[in-house]
Amino acid sequence: QVQLVESGGGLVQAGGSLRLSCAASGLTFSRYRMGWFRQAPGNEREFVAFISQTADTYYADSVKGRFTISRDNAKNTVYLQMNNLKPEDTAVYYCAADRGGAVMNHRLYDYWGQGTQVTVSS
């Protein structure tokens, strides 16, 4: 059974940093491309960052230069380092896994974690 478990969320002041982790099990992690998405109340799920099996990365314009996605295949874990956080980054953050061609489209991802709350105060 595939499981993705996010951790590292919390409350931080604007300008602060958080590092999210997503631990995967039940799949051959190195074969999956991984994405981070977020969803604020009343909003659609929004693409944040993507990393391919070969560690190519892609970011939403809103987080480019502030967030960094990385992966450690030995630990079956994907990370999202978030710096210079802004109140508009407040959301539940989800990681997702896909074997196919998904990048920004959340509907194409196969597996999802339960999410971790990030709250940025002004």
N, C-alpha and C. Protein backbone atom coordinates (compact mmCIF):
# COMPACT_ATOMS: atom_id res chain seq x y z
N GLN A 1 0.84 -1.18 0.00
CA GLN A 1 0.00 0.00 0.00
C GLN A 1 0.89 1.25 0.00
N VAL A 2 0.61 2.14 -0.94
CA VAL A 2 1.41 3.35 -1.06
C VAL A 2 0.97 4.37 0.01
N GLN A 3 1.96 4.93 0.67
CA GLN A 3 1.69 6.00 1.64
C GLN A 3 2.65 7.15 1.42
N LEU A 4 2.13 8.35 1.46
CA LEU A 4 2.91 9.57 1.46
C LEU A 4 2.55 10.33 2.73
N VAL A 5 3.56 10.65 3.52
CA VAL A 5 3.30 11.31 4.80
C VAL A 5 4.10 12.61 4.87
N GLU A 6 3.36 13.72 4.89
CA GLU A 6 4.01 15.03 4.98
C GLU A 6 4.24 15.41 6.43
N SER A 7 5.27 16.21 6.65
CA SER A 7 5.55 16.75 7.98
C SER A 7 6.30 18.07 7.81
N GLY A 8 6.41 18.81 8.91
CA GLY A 8 7.20 20.04 8.89
C GLY A 8 6.41 21.33 8.82
N GLY A 9 5.09 21.22 8.69
CA GLY A 9 4.29 22.43 8.66
C GLY A 9 4.23 23.09 10.03
N GLY A 10 3.64 24.29 10.05
CA GLY A 10 3.50 25.00 11.32
C GLY A 10 3.18 26.46 11.10
N LEU A 11 3.33 27.21 12.19
CA LEU A 11 3.07 28.65 12.18
C LEU A 11 4.40 29.39 12.16
N VAL A 12 4.53 30.33 11.24
CA VAL A 12 5.77 31.09 11.12
C VAL A 12 5.43 32.53 10.76
N GLN A 13 6.27 33.45 11.17
CA GLN A 13 6.07 34.84 10.80
C GLN A 13 6.52 35.09 9.37
N ALA A 14 5.95 36.11 8.76
CA ALA A 14 6.37 36.50 7.42
C ALA A 14 7.87 36.74 7.39
N GLY A 15 8.51 36.24 6.33
CA GLY A 15 9.95 36.33 6.21
C GLY A 15 10.68 35.13 6.75
N GLY A 16 9.97 34.27 7.46
CA GLY A 16 10.58 33.09 8.04
C GLY A 16 10.68 31.94 7.06
N SER A 17 11.14 30.79 7.58
CA SER A 17 11.38 29.60 6.75
C SER A 17 10.77 28.37 7.39
N LEU A 18 10.42 27.44 6.55
CA LEU A 18 10.00 26.10 6.97
C LEU A 18 10.54 25.11 5.96
N ARG A 19 10.74 23.88 6.42
CA ARG A 19 11.14 22.80 5.53
C ARG A 19 10.13 21.68 5.65
N LEU A 20 9.43 21.41 4.58
CA LEU A 20 8.47 20.31 4.56
C LEU A 20 9.16 19.05 4.07
N SER A 21 8.73 17.92 4.63
CA SER A 21 9.20 16.61 4.20
C SER A 21 8.02 15.76 3.80
N CYS A 22 8.25 14.86 2.89
CA CYS A 22 7.24 13.90 2.48
C CYS A 22 7.92 12.55 2.35
N ALA A 23 7.59 11.65 3.27
CA ALA A 23 8.17 10.32 3.29
C ALA A 23 7.25 9.35 2.56
N ALA A 24 7.82 8.63 1.60
CA ALA A 24 7.04 7.71 0.78
C ALA A 24 7.35 6.27 1.15
N SER A 25 6.34 5.43 1.07
CA SER A 25 6.52 4.00 1.28
C SER A 25 5.56 3.24 0.38
N GLY A 26 5.89 1.97 0.12
CA GLY A 26 5.02 1.15 -0.71
C GLY A 26 5.19 1.36 -2.20
N LEU A 27 6.21 2.08 -2.60
CA LEU A 27 6.50 2.28 -4.01
C LEU A 27 8.00 2.38 -4.21
N THR A 28 8.42 2.20 -5.47
CA THR A 28 9.84 2.37 -5.81
C THR A 28 10.06 3.86 -6.06
N PHE A 29 10.46 4.54 -5.01
CA PHE A 29 10.45 6.00 -4.99
C PHE A 29 11.22 6.61 -6.15
N SER A 30 12.35 6.04 -6.48
CA SER A 30 13.21 6.63 -7.52
C SER A 30 12.55 6.64 -8.89
N ARG A 31 11.52 5.85 -9.07
CA ARG A 31 10.84 5.77 -10.37
C ARG A 31 9.72 6.78 -10.50
N TYR A 32 9.46 7.53 -9.44
CA TYR A 32 8.32 8.46 -9.43
C TYR A 32 8.78 9.91 -9.49
N ARG A 33 8.06 10.69 -10.26
CA ARG A 33 8.20 12.13 -10.19
C ARG A 33 7.32 12.62 -9.05
N MET A 34 7.76 13.68 -8.38
CA MET A 34 7.09 14.13 -7.17
C MET A 34 6.70 15.60 -7.31
N GLY A 35 5.56 15.92 -6.75
CA GLY A 35 5.10 17.30 -6.79
C GLY A 35 4.65 17.77 -5.42
N TRP A 36 4.72 19.07 -5.23
CA TRP A 36 4.13 19.72 -4.06
C TRP A 36 3.01 20.64 -4.56
N PHE A 37 1.90 20.56 -3.87
CA PHE A 37 0.75 21.41 -4.18
C PHE A 37 0.26 22.04 -2.88
N ARG A 38 -0.57 23.04 -3.01
CA ARG A 38 -1.15 23.65 -1.81
C ARG A 38 -2.59 24.05 -2.09
N GLN A 39 -3.35 24.14 -1.02
CA GLN A 39 -4.75 24.51 -1.14
C GLN A 39 -5.16 25.34 0.06
N ALA A 40 -5.59 26.56 -0.22
CA ALA A 40 -6.11 27.45 0.80
C ALA A 40 -7.64 27.32 0.82
N PRO A 41 -8.27 27.64 1.94
CA PRO A 41 -9.73 27.51 2.02
C PRO A 41 -10.43 28.29 0.91
N GLY A 42 -11.34 27.59 0.22
CA GLY A 42 -12.10 28.23 -0.85
C GLY A 42 -11.39 28.32 -2.18
N ASN A 43 -10.16 27.82 -2.21
CA ASN A 43 -9.37 27.89 -3.46
C ASN A 43 -9.17 26.51 -4.06
N GLU A 44 -8.83 26.53 -5.35
CA GLU A 44 -8.46 25.29 -6.02
C GLU A 44 -7.09 24.83 -5.52
N ARG A 45 -6.83 23.53 -5.70
CA ARG A 45 -5.49 23.03 -5.39
C ARG A 45 -4.52 23.62 -6.41
N GLU A 46 -3.40 24.12 -5.91
CA GLU A 46 -2.47 24.92 -6.70
C GLU A 46 -1.11 24.25 -6.76
N PHE A 47 -0.53 24.20 -7.95
CA PHE A 47 0.81 23.66 -8.13
C PHE A 47 1.84 24.56 -7.46
N VAL A 48 2.82 23.94 -6.81
CA VAL A 48 3.89 24.68 -6.17
C VAL A 48 5.24 24.34 -6.79
N ALA A 49 5.59 23.05 -6.80
CA ALA A 49 6.91 22.65 -7.27
C ALA A 49 6.88 21.20 -7.72
N PHE A 50 7.85 20.86 -8.57
CA PHE A 50 7.93 19.52 -9.16
C PHE A 50 9.39 19.10 -9.25
N ILE A 51 9.62 17.80 -9.07
CA ILE A 51 10.95 17.26 -9.29
C ILE A 51 10.80 15.93 -10.01
N SER A 52 11.58 15.76 -11.06
CA SER A 52 11.51 14.54 -11.85
C SER A 52 12.36 13.43 -11.23
N GLN A 53 12.31 12.27 -11.89
CA GLN A 53 13.12 11.15 -11.41
C GLN A 53 14.61 11.46 -11.53
N THR A 54 14.98 12.34 -12.44
CA THR A 54 16.38 12.72 -12.64
C THR A 54 16.69 14.07 -12.01
N ALA A 55 15.80 14.52 -11.10
CA ALA A 55 16.01 15.73 -10.30
C ALA A 55 15.89 17.03 -11.09
N ASP A 56 15.27 17.00 -12.24
CA ASP A 56 14.89 18.25 -12.89
C ASP A 56 13.77 18.88 -12.07
N THR A 57 13.79 20.19 -11.98
CA THR A 57 12.81 20.87 -11.14
C THR A 57 12.04 21.94 -11.91
N TYR A 58 10.87 22.25 -11.38
CA TYR A 58 10.03 23.28 -11.99
C TYR A 58 9.20 23.89 -10.88
N TYR A 59 9.00 25.22 -10.95
CA TYR A 59 8.32 25.93 -9.87
C TYR A 59 7.20 26.83 -10.40
N ALA A 60 6.22 27.02 -9.56
CA ALA A 60 5.23 28.05 -9.85
C ALA A 60 5.91 29.41 -9.76
N ASP A 61 5.46 30.35 -10.58
CA ASP A 61 6.07 31.68 -10.56
C ASP A 61 5.99 32.33 -9.18
N SER A 62 4.92 32.03 -8.46
CA SER A 62 4.70 32.67 -7.16
C SER A 62 5.72 32.26 -6.10
N VAL A 63 6.41 31.15 -6.32
CA VAL A 63 7.37 30.68 -5.32
C VAL A 63 8.80 30.63 -5.84
N LYS A 64 8.98 30.89 -7.12
CA LYS A 64 10.30 30.81 -7.72
C LYS A 64 11.26 31.75 -7.01
N GLY A 65 12.44 31.23 -6.67
CA GLY A 65 13.44 32.02 -5.96
C GLY A 65 13.29 32.00 -4.46
N ARG A 66 12.17 31.48 -3.96
CA ARG A 66 11.96 31.39 -2.51
C ARG A 66 11.88 29.93 -2.04
N PHE A 67 11.33 29.06 -2.86
CA PHE A 67 11.15 27.65 -2.49
C PHE A 67 12.13 26.79 -3.28
N THR A 68 12.56 25.69 -2.66
CA THR A 68 13.43 24.73 -3.34
C THR A 68 12.93 23.33 -3.06
N ILE A 69 12.71 22.58 -4.12
CA ILE A 69 12.32 21.17 -3.99
C ILE A 69 13.55 20.31 -4.19
N SER A 70 13.64 19.23 -3.42
CA SER A 70 14.75 18.30 -3.56
C SER A 70 14.26 16.91 -3.17
N ARG A 71 15.05 15.91 -3.49
CA ARG A 71 14.67 14.55 -3.14
C ARG A 71 15.90 13.78 -2.69
N ASP A 72 15.66 12.80 -1.82
CA ASP A 72 16.70 11.89 -1.36
C ASP A 72 16.15 10.48 -1.60
N ASN A 73 16.59 9.87 -2.67
CA ASN A 73 16.06 8.54 -3.02
C ASN A 73 16.45 7.48 -2.01
N ALA A 74 17.58 7.67 -1.33
CA ALA A 74 18.00 6.70 -0.32
C ALA A 74 17.04 6.72 0.88
N LYS A 75 16.40 7.86 1.11
CA LYS A 75 15.48 7.99 2.24
C LYS A 75 14.02 7.98 1.80
N ASN A 76 13.78 7.82 0.49
CA ASN A 76 12.41 7.83 -0.04
C ASN A 76 11.66 9.09 0.39
N THR A 77 12.34 10.20 0.31
CA THR A 77 11.78 11.44 0.83
C THR A 77 11.98 12.60 -0.16
N VAL A 78 10.94 13.43 -0.27
CA VAL A 78 11.04 14.66 -1.03
C VAL A 78 10.85 15.82 -0.06
N TYR A 79 11.58 16.90 -0.31
CA TYR A 79 11.57 18.05 0.59
C TYR A 79 11.10 19.31 -0.14
N LEU A 80 10.60 20.24 0.64
CA LEU A 80 10.30 21.57 0.10
C LEU A 80 10.82 22.58 1.11
N GLN A 81 11.93 23.21 0.76
CA GLN A 81 12.49 24.27 1.59
C GLN A 81 11.81 25.57 1.20
N MET A 82 11.19 26.22 2.17
CA MET A 82 10.43 27.44 1.92
C MET A 82 11.05 28.59 2.69
N ASN A 83 11.57 29.55 1.98
CA ASN A 83 12.20 30.73 2.58
C ASN A 83 11.40 31.99 2.26
N ASN A 84 11.64 33.02 3.05
CA ASN A 84 10.97 34.30 2.84
C ASN A 84 9.46 34.10 2.67
N LEU A 85 8.89 33.40 3.61
CA LEU A 85 7.47 33.08 3.52
C LEU A 85 6.61 34.33 3.62
N LYS A 86 5.48 34.29 2.92
CA LYS A 86 4.54 35.40 2.88
C LYS A 86 3.18 34.92 3.37
N PRO A 87 2.35 35.82 3.87
CA PRO A 87 1.01 35.40 4.32
C PRO A 87 0.22 34.67 3.24
N GLU A 88 0.43 35.04 1.99
CA GLU A 88 -0.30 34.38 0.91
C GLU A 88 0.18 32.94 0.66
N ASP A 89 1.25 32.52 1.31
CA ASP A 89 1.68 31.12 1.24
C ASP A 89 0.89 30.23 2.19
N THR A 90 0.06 30.82 3.02
CA THR A 90 -0.74 30.04 3.97
C THR A 90 -1.68 29.09 3.24
N ALA A 91 -1.57 27.81 3.57
CA ALA A 91 -2.37 26.77 2.92
C ALA A 91 -2.04 25.43 3.53
N VAL A 92 -2.82 24.42 3.15
CA VAL A 92 -2.43 23.04 3.41
C VAL A 92 -1.56 22.60 2.24
N TYR A 93 -0.40 22.05 2.55
CA TYR A 93 0.55 21.62 1.53
C TYR A 93 0.51 20.10 1.42
N TYR A 94 0.43 19.65 0.17
CA TYR A 94 0.34 18.22 -0.13
C TYR A 94 1.50 17.81 -1.03
N CYS A 95 2.01 16.60 -0.80
CA CYS A 95 2.92 16.02 -1.78
C CYS A 95 2.17 14.97 -2.58
N ALA A 96 2.65 14.72 -3.79
CA ALA A 96 2.00 13.78 -4.69
C ALA A 96 3.06 13.07 -5.51
N ALA A 97 2.71 11.85 -5.95
CA ALA A 97 3.64 11.01 -6.72
C ALA A 97 2.98 10.55 -8.01
N ASP A 98 3.79 10.47 -9.06
CA ASP A 98 3.27 10.03 -10.36
C ASP A 98 4.35 9.30 -11.15
N ARG A 99 3.95 8.23 -11.83
CA ARG A 99 4.90 7.49 -12.68
C ARG A 99 4.93 8.01 -14.10
N GLY A 100 3.91 8.80 -14.46
CA GLY A 100 3.75 9.17 -15.86
C GLY A 100 4.27 10.57 -16.16
N GLY A 101 3.45 11.35 -16.82
CA GLY A 101 3.90 12.64 -17.34
C GLY A 101 3.40 13.85 -16.57
N ALA A 102 2.93 13.66 -15.36
CA ALA A 102 2.38 14.79 -14.61
C ALA A 102 3.47 15.78 -14.23
N VAL A 103 3.13 17.04 -14.29
CA VAL A 103 4.00 18.10 -13.78
C VAL A 103 3.15 19.05 -12.94
N MET A 104 2.35 19.90 -13.60
CA MET A 104 1.57 20.92 -12.91
C MET A 104 0.12 20.50 -12.66
N ASN A 105 -0.38 19.54 -13.43
CA ASN A 105 -1.78 19.17 -13.35
C ASN A 105 -2.00 18.17 -12.22
N HIS A 106 -2.65 18.60 -11.16
CA HIS A 106 -2.81 17.74 -9.99
C HIS A 106 -3.67 16.52 -10.29
N ARG A 107 -4.51 16.61 -11.31
CA ARG A 107 -5.40 15.49 -11.63
C ARG A 107 -4.64 14.29 -12.20
N LEU A 108 -3.40 14.48 -12.62
CA LEU A 108 -2.63 13.41 -13.23
C LEU A 108 -1.77 12.63 -12.23
N TYR A 109 -1.73 13.11 -11.00
CA TYR A 109 -0.91 12.41 -10.00
C TYR A 109 -1.64 11.20 -9.45
N ASP A 110 -0.87 10.15 -9.16
CA ASP A 110 -1.46 8.88 -8.74
C ASP A 110 -1.71 8.81 -7.24
N TYR A 111 -0.80 9.34 -6.46
CA TYR A 111 -0.88 9.18 -5.00
C TYR A 111 -0.69 10.53 -4.31
N TRP A 112 -1.37 10.67 -3.17
CA TRP A 112 -1.36 11.91 -2.41
C TRP A 112 -1.15 11.65 -0.93
N GLY A 113 -0.49 12.60 -0.27
CA GLY A 113 -0.41 12.57 1.17
C GLY A 113 -1.63 13.25 1.78
N GLN A 114 -1.64 13.30 3.11
CA GLN A 114 -2.80 13.84 3.83
C GLN A 114 -2.70 15.36 4.01
N GLY A 115 -1.54 15.91 3.77
CA GLY A 115 -1.36 17.35 3.86
C GLY A 115 -0.80 17.80 5.20
N THR A 116 -0.13 18.95 5.18
CA THR A 116 0.39 19.57 6.38
C THR A 116 0.10 21.07 6.30
N GLN A 117 -0.37 21.63 7.41
CA GLN A 117 -0.79 23.03 7.42
C GLN A 117 0.42 23.95 7.57
N VAL A 118 0.47 24.96 6.72
CA VAL A 118 1.45 26.03 6.84
C VAL A 118 0.69 27.34 7.01
N THR A 119 0.99 28.05 8.09
CA THR A 119 0.35 29.33 8.36
C THR A 119 1.42 30.39 8.53
N VAL A 120 1.32 31.45 7.75
CA VAL A 120 2.28 32.54 7.80
C VAL A 120 1.57 33.79 8.31
N SER A 121 2.03 34.28 9.43
CA SER A 121 1.41 35.47 10.01
C SER A 121 2.14 36.73 9.54
N SER A 122 1.39 37.80 9.44
CA SER A 122 1.98 39.06 8.96
C SER A 122 2.51 39.90 10.10
